[in-house]
Structures are given as C-alpha cells and as structure tokens.
Amino acid sequence: MGAWDLLLTGLVLLFGLCGVLVPGVPGSWLVWAAVLWWALKDPQAVAWWVLVGATVVLFLSQVIRWALPPRRLREGGVDARLLRYAGGGSFAGFVVLPVIGAIPGFLAGVYVHERIRLGRRGEARAAVRTVMRSGGWSLLTELFTCQLIAAAWLGAVFFG
C-alpha cells in the first residue's frame, strides 16, 4: 500500500474521530470503513486481524450504547465548544496515559469547560454529572472505541 493510500486512510480515520463529536455524522462507521478499505487495499494477515478486531469492538460498543440512556445532549446543555473540550481532553488523555487515559481526559475536558463557563467548582462538578447523564457516557463509549481502533491501525501500520 502506498503512502498516499495510508495518508487517505489516516485522514478518513481522523475525520471519523472528529465525526463522533459532531451530531449527525456517523463517526464510528467512518472509522470502520477506513479500516475496511485499508484491509482490502493491503491484504495482509495483520490488516485482516485489525479489521476483525475493529468489527468486534464496534459491535460491543453498540451493545453497550444500547444499554445506556439515549443521547439528549442538547437538553443537557451541551454545545459545540463543550464537545471540543471533551474530545481534546480525551485525545490528550489517550496520548499521555495510553488507552485508559481517554476516560479521565474526557471527563477533565468537560469539567474544564464547565468550570470556565460557570466559574465555581461545585457547579462545574454538578454540570459534569448532568452532561454525562444526558448522553455523555454514550458519546464517551463511541469516542473511546474509535480511538482504540485508530490506535490499533496506527500500531499495525508502523509495527505490523
């Protein structure tokens, strides 16, 4: 597989990761489609194993999301800026503390946004609970799943 194909796959993965945070964009499907395209263009065993793993992880993510309360982010006071803070925090946490850091990073991003917006620590913590109850857990589940798939793809490209 050529460098341009890998770059295009990486861009679609990145677009899918950002798409998770944008309502109405099927981010997880874009991430899966990028891995599928990569596996079809580069038919090696590692590519197929990453595709199988991505499919299983996305299926489990969907099952978990069906068990969580439905997303009502607008009702919970979630705006685009909060989603950017949460996504940035999740990405930073994923990089600083590999894999498991995405969860506290997401929560920290929401907290920082609410602390800036509201000003008080207690009100910010209450706002974080409200955001997470109004669909934040579902969003975090989908984002974390897509980050795992993207990390597996990066690992396969560089080390596989």
C-alpha atoms as a PDB file:
ATOM      1  CA  MET A   1       0.000   0.000   0.000  1.00  0.00           C
ATOM      2  CA  GLY A   2       1.381   3.370  -0.988  1.00  0.00           C
ATOM      3  CA  ALA A   3       1.981   6.398   1.175  1.00  0.00           C
ATOM      4  CA  TRP A   4      -0.937   8.289  -0.366  1.00  0.00           C
ATOM      5  CA  ASP A   5      -3.334   5.446   0.404  1.00  0.00           C
ATOM      6  CA  LEU A   6      -2.120   5.339   4.003  1.00  0.00           C
ATOM      7  CA  LEU A   7      -2.467   9.108   4.270  1.00  0.00           C
ATOM      8  CA  LEU A   8      -6.010   8.968   2.890  1.00  0.00           C
ATOM      9  CA  THR A   9      -6.912   6.175   5.308  1.00  0.00           C
ATOM     10  CA  GLY A  10      -5.465   8.170   8.202  1.00  0.00           C
ATOM     11  CA  LEU A  11      -7.431  11.260   7.158  1.00  0.00           C
ATOM     12  CA  VAL A  12     -10.680   9.290   6.993  1.00  0.00           C
ATOM     13  CA  LEU A  13      -9.907   7.853  10.436  1.00  0.00           C
ATOM     14  CA  LEU A  14      -9.259  11.353  11.758  1.00  0.00           C
ATOM     15  CA  PHE A  15     -12.459  12.636  10.158  1.00  0.00           C
ATOM     16  CA  GLY A  16     -14.349   9.741  11.745  1.00  0.00           C
ATOM     17  CA  LEU A  17     -12.863  10.520  15.167  1.00  0.00           C
ATOM     18  CA  CYS A  18     -13.932  14.150  14.818  1.00  0.00           C
ATOM     19  CA  GLY A  19     -17.275  12.996  13.435  1.00  0.00           C
ATOM     20  CA  VAL A  20     -18.052  11.170  16.662  1.00  0.00           C
ATOM     21  CA  LEU A  21     -18.218  14.571  18.353  1.00  0.00           C
ATOM     22  CA  VAL A  22     -20.478  16.112  15.703  1.00  0.00           C
ATOM     23  CA  PRO A  23     -24.150  15.193  15.958  1.00  0.00           C
ATOM     24  CA  GLY A  24     -25.458  13.544  12.820  1.00  0.00           C
ATOM     25  CA  VAL A  25     -22.078  12.387  11.473  1.00  0.00           C
ATOM     26  CA  PRO A  26     -21.569   8.606  11.573  1.00  0.00           C
ATOM     27  CA  GLY A  27     -18.066   8.787  13.018  1.00  0.00           C
ATOM     28  CA  SER A  28     -17.769   5.180  14.104  1.00  0.00           C
ATOM     29  CA  TRP A  29     -18.887   3.963  10.683  1.00  0.00           C
ATOM     30  CA  LEU A  30     -16.288   6.183   9.007  1.00  0.00           C
ATOM     31  CA  VAL A  31     -13.573   4.734  11.235  1.00  0.00           C
ATOM     32  CA  TRP A  32     -14.692   1.194  10.432  1.00  0.00           C
ATOM     33  CA  ALA A  33     -14.943   1.959   6.703  1.00  0.00           C
ATOM     34  CA  ALA A  34     -11.395   3.363   6.703  1.00  0.00           C
ATOM     35  CA  VAL A  35     -10.068   0.189   8.312  1.00  0.00           C
ATOM     36  CA  LEU A  36     -12.073  -1.934   5.857  1.00  0.00           C
ATOM     37  CA  TRP A  37     -10.678  -0.017   2.887  1.00  0.00           C
ATOM     38  CA  TRP A  38      -7.149  -0.353   4.271  1.00  0.00           C
ATOM     39  CA  ALA A  39      -7.595  -4.111   4.766  1.00  0.00           C
ATOM     40  CA  LEU A  40      -8.912  -4.518   1.219  1.00  0.00           C
ATOM     41  CA  LYS A  41      -6.078  -2.478  -0.299  1.00  0.00           C
ATOM     42  CA  ASP A  42      -3.354  -4.148   1.797  1.00  0.00           C
ATOM     43  CA  PRO A  43      -4.418  -7.798   2.143  1.00  0.00           C
ATOM     44  CA  GLN A  44      -2.058  -8.970   4.853  1.00  0.00           C
ATOM     45  CA  ALA A  45      -2.918 -11.018   7.907  1.00  0.00           C
ATOM     46  CA  VAL A  46      -2.371  -8.111  10.299  1.00  0.00           C
ATOM     47  CA  ALA A  47      -4.766  -5.906   8.305  1.00  0.00           C
ATOM     48  CA  TRP A  48      -7.489  -8.522   8.456  1.00  0.00           C
ATOM     49  CA  TRP A  49      -6.954  -9.062  12.187  1.00  0.00           C
ATOM     50  CA  VAL A  50      -7.271  -5.307  12.785  1.00  0.00           C
ATOM     51  CA  LEU A  51     -10.488  -5.312  10.728  1.00  0.00           C
ATOM     52  CA  VAL A  52     -11.910  -8.250  12.683  1.00  0.00           C
ATOM     53  CA  GLY A  53     -10.940  -6.604  15.966  1.00  0.00           C
ATOM     54  CA  ALA A  54     -12.467  -3.298  14.870  1.00  0.00           C
ATOM     55  CA  THR A  55     -15.698  -5.030  13.912  1.00  0.00           C
ATOM     56  CA  VAL A  56     -15.938  -6.869  17.231  1.00  0.00           C
ATOM     57  CA  VAL A  57     -15.098  -3.770  19.275  1.00  0.00           C
ATOM     58  CA  LEU A  58     -17.632  -1.648  17.380  1.00  0.00           C
ATOM     59  CA  PHE A  59     -20.301  -4.312  17.849  1.00  0.00           C
ATOM     60  CA  LEU A  60     -19.619  -4.444  21.593  1.00  0.00           C
ATOM     61  CA  SER A  61     -19.683  -0.651  21.692  1.00  0.00           C
ATOM     62  CA  GLN A  62     -23.105  -0.618  20.060  1.00  0.00           C
ATOM     63  CA  VAL A  63     -24.407  -3.172  22.560  1.00  0.00           C
ATOM     64  CA  ILE A  64     -23.091  -1.079  25.458  1.00  0.00           C
ATOM     65  CA  ARG A  65     -24.547   2.111  23.979  1.00  0.00           C
ATOM     66  CA  TRP A  66     -27.977   0.484  23.652  1.00  0.00           C
ATOM     67  CA  ALA A  67     -27.852  -0.293  27.379  1.00  0.00           C
ATOM     68  CA  LEU A  68     -27.012   3.339  28.233  1.00  0.00           C
ATOM     69  CA  PRO A  69     -29.592   6.122  28.355  1.00  0.00           C
ATOM     70  CA  PRO A  70     -30.267   7.728  24.962  1.00  0.00           C
ATOM     71  CA  ARG A  71     -28.355  10.816  23.921  1.00  0.00           C
ATOM     72  CA  ARG A  72     -30.086  14.035  24.829  1.00  0.00           C
ATOM     73  CA  LEU A  73     -27.068  16.277  24.676  1.00  0.00           C
ATOM     74  CA  ARG A  74     -28.927  19.455  23.727  1.00  0.00           C
ATOM     75  CA  GLU A  75     -31.241  19.059  26.729  1.00  0.00           C
ATOM     76  CA  GLY A  76     -28.197  18.627  28.977  1.00  0.00           C
ATOM     77  CA  GLY A  77     -26.773  21.959  27.861  1.00  0.00           C
ATOM     78  CA  VAL A  78     -24.083  20.524  25.594  1.00  0.00           C
ATOM     79  CA  ASP A  79     -22.771  22.820  22.886  1.00  0.00           C
ATOM     80  CA  ALA A  80     -20.056  22.514  20.249  1.00  0.00           C
ATOM     81  CA  ARG A  81     -17.414  24.117  22.462  1.00  0.00           C
ATOM     82  CA  LEU A  82     -18.007  21.553  25.221  1.00  0.00           C
ATOM     83  CA  LEU A  83     -17.639  18.743  22.681  1.00  0.00           C
ATOM     84  CA  ARG A  84     -14.322  20.214  21.517  1.00  0.00           C
ATOM     85  CA  TYR A  85     -13.047  20.390  25.096  1.00  0.00           C
ATOM     86  CA  ALA A  86     -14.208  16.839  25.822  1.00  0.00           C
ATOM     87  CA  GLY A  87     -12.699  15.472  22.609  1.00  0.00           C
ATOM     88  CA  GLY A  88      -9.423  17.298  23.152  1.00  0.00           C
ATOM     89  CA  GLY A  89      -9.240  16.092  26.727  1.00  0.00           C
ATOM     90  CA  SER A  90      -9.958  12.543  25.648  1.00  0.00           C
ATOM     91  CA  PHE A  91      -7.275  12.659  22.960  1.00  0.00           C
ATOM     92  CA  ALA A  92      -4.734  14.184  25.340  1.00  0.00           C
ATOM     93  CA  GLY A  93      -5.541  11.591  27.988  1.00  0.00           C
ATOM     94  CA  PHE A  94      -5.253   8.801  25.424  1.00  0.00           C
ATOM     95  CA  VAL A  95      -1.770  10.004  24.453  1.00  0.00           C
ATOM     96  CA  VAL A  96      -0.453  10.865  27.942  1.00  0.00           C
ATOM     97  CA  LEU A  97      -1.741   7.742  29.668  1.00  0.00           C
ATOM     98  CA  PRO A  98      -2.143   5.289  26.774  1.00  0.00           C
ATOM     99  CA  VAL A  99      -5.604   3.845  26.246  1.00  0.00           C
ATOM    100  CA  ILE A 100      -7.055   4.212  29.747  1.00  0.00           C
ATOM    101  CA  GLY A 101      -6.331   7.955  29.940  1.00  0.00           C
ATOM    102  CA  ALA A 102      -9.085   8.738  27.437  1.00  0.00           C
ATOM    103  CA  ILE A 103     -11.794   8.361  30.074  1.00  0.00           C
ATOM    104  CA  PRO A 104     -10.405  10.770  32.694  1.00  0.00           C
ATOM    105  CA  GLY A 105      -9.288  13.049  29.869  1.00  0.00           C
ATOM    106  CA  PHE A 106     -12.842  13.254  28.543  1.00  0.00           C
ATOM    107  CA  LEU A 107     -14.215  13.988  32.000  1.00  0.00           C
ATOM    108  CA  ALA A 108     -11.482  16.568  32.619  1.00  0.00           C
ATOM    109  CA  GLY A 109     -12.298  18.277  29.317  1.00  0.00           C
ATOM    110  CA  VAL A 110     -15.965  18.548  30.264  1.00  0.00           C
ATOM    111  CA  TYR A 111     -15.020  19.800  33.737  1.00  0.00           C
ATOM    112  CA  VAL A 112     -12.628  22.457  32.400  1.00  0.00           C
ATOM    113  CA  HIS A 113     -15.280  23.758  30.014  1.00  0.00           C
ATOM    114  CA  GLU A 114     -17.922  23.880  32.722  1.00  0.00           C
ATOM    115  CA  ARG A 115     -15.514  25.469  35.200  1.00  0.00           C
ATOM    116  CA  ILE A 116     -14.694  28.221  32.703  1.00  0.00           C
ATOM    117  CA  ARG A 117     -18.377  28.685  31.868  1.00  0.00           C
ATOM    118  CA  LEU A 118     -19.783  28.579  35.406  1.00  0.00           C
ATOM    119  CA  GLY A 119     -16.829  29.700  37.497  1.00  0.00           C
ATOM    120  CA  ARG A 120     -17.422  27.603  40.609  1.00  0.00           C
ATOM    121  CA  ARG A 121     -16.084  24.159  41.362  1.00  0.00           C
ATOM    122  CA  GLY A 122     -19.297  22.733  42.807  1.00  0.00           C
ATOM    123  CA  GLU A 123     -21.429  23.985  39.950  1.00  0.00           C
ATOM    124  CA  ALA A 124     -18.928  22.619  37.425  1.00  0.00           C
ATOM    125  CA  ARG A 125     -18.998  19.157  39.042  1.00  0.00           C
ATOM    126  CA  ALA A 126     -22.800  19.180  39.018  1.00  0.00           C
ATOM    127  CA  ALA A 127     -22.751  20.230  35.357  1.00  0.00           C
ATOM    128  CA  VAL A 128     -20.379  17.349  34.528  1.00  0.00           C
ATOM    129  CA  ARG A 129     -22.806  14.905  36.124  1.00  0.00           C
ATOM    130  CA  THR A 130     -25.668  16.426  34.127  1.00  0.00           C
ATOM    131  CA  VAL A 131     -23.727  16.202  30.865  1.00  0.00           C
ATOM    132  CA  MET A 132     -22.727  12.603  31.489  1.00  0.00           C
ATOM    133  CA  ARG A 133     -26.301  11.614  32.359  1.00  0.00           C
ATOM    134  CA  SER A 134     -27.697  13.323  29.276  1.00  0.00           C
ATOM    135  CA  GLY A 135     -25.670  11.188  26.898  1.00  0.00           C
ATOM    136  CA  GLY A 136     -22.055  11.827  27.754  1.00  0.00           C
ATOM    137  CA  TRP A 137     -21.436   8.183  28.613  1.00  0.00           C
ATOM    138  CA  SER A 138     -22.740   7.113  25.218  1.00  0.00           C
ATOM    139  CA  LEU A 139     -20.549   9.674  23.493  1.00  0.00           C
ATOM    140  CA  LEU A 140     -17.525   8.638  25.549  1.00  0.00           C
ATOM    141  CA  THR A 141     -18.116   4.969  24.703  1.00  0.00           C
ATOM    142  CA  GLU A 142     -18.234   5.674  20.981  1.00  0.00           C
ATOM    143  CA  LEU A 143     -15.225   8.005  21.060  1.00  0.00           C
ATOM    144  CA  PHE A 144     -13.152   5.584  23.136  1.00  0.00           C
ATOM    145  CA  THR A 145     -13.980   2.736  20.761  1.00  0.00           C
ATOM    146  CA  CYS A 146     -12.935   4.765  17.739  1.00  0.00           C
ATOM    147  CA  GLN A 147      -9.723   5.793  19.475  1.00  0.00           C
ATOM    148  CA  LEU A 148      -8.922   2.130  20.173  1.00  0.00           C
ATOM    149  CA  ILE A 149      -9.473   1.248  16.528  1.00  0.00           C
ATOM    150  CA  ALA A 150      -7.351   4.156  15.325  1.00  0.00           C
ATOM    151  CA  ALA A 151      -4.561   3.166  17.728  1.00  0.00           C
ATOM    152  CA  ALA A 152      -4.715  -0.447  16.507  1.00  0.00           C
ATOM    153  CA  TRP A 153      -4.499   0.776  12.914  1.00  0.00           C
ATOM    154  CA  LEU A 154      -1.521   3.013  13.719  1.00  0.00           C
ATOM    155  CA  GLY A 155       0.197   0.153  15.518  1.00  0.00           C
ATOM    156  CA  ALA A 156      -0.392  -2.182  12.583  1.00  0.00           C
ATOM    157  CA  VAL A 157       0.899   0.351  10.090  1.00  0.00           C
ATOM    158  CA  PHE A 158       4.056   1.198  12.000  1.00  0.00           C
ATOM    159  CA  PHE A 159       4.875  -2.121  13.656  1.00  0.00           C
ATOM    160  CA  GLY A 160       2.988  -4.719  11.626  1.00  0.00           C
END
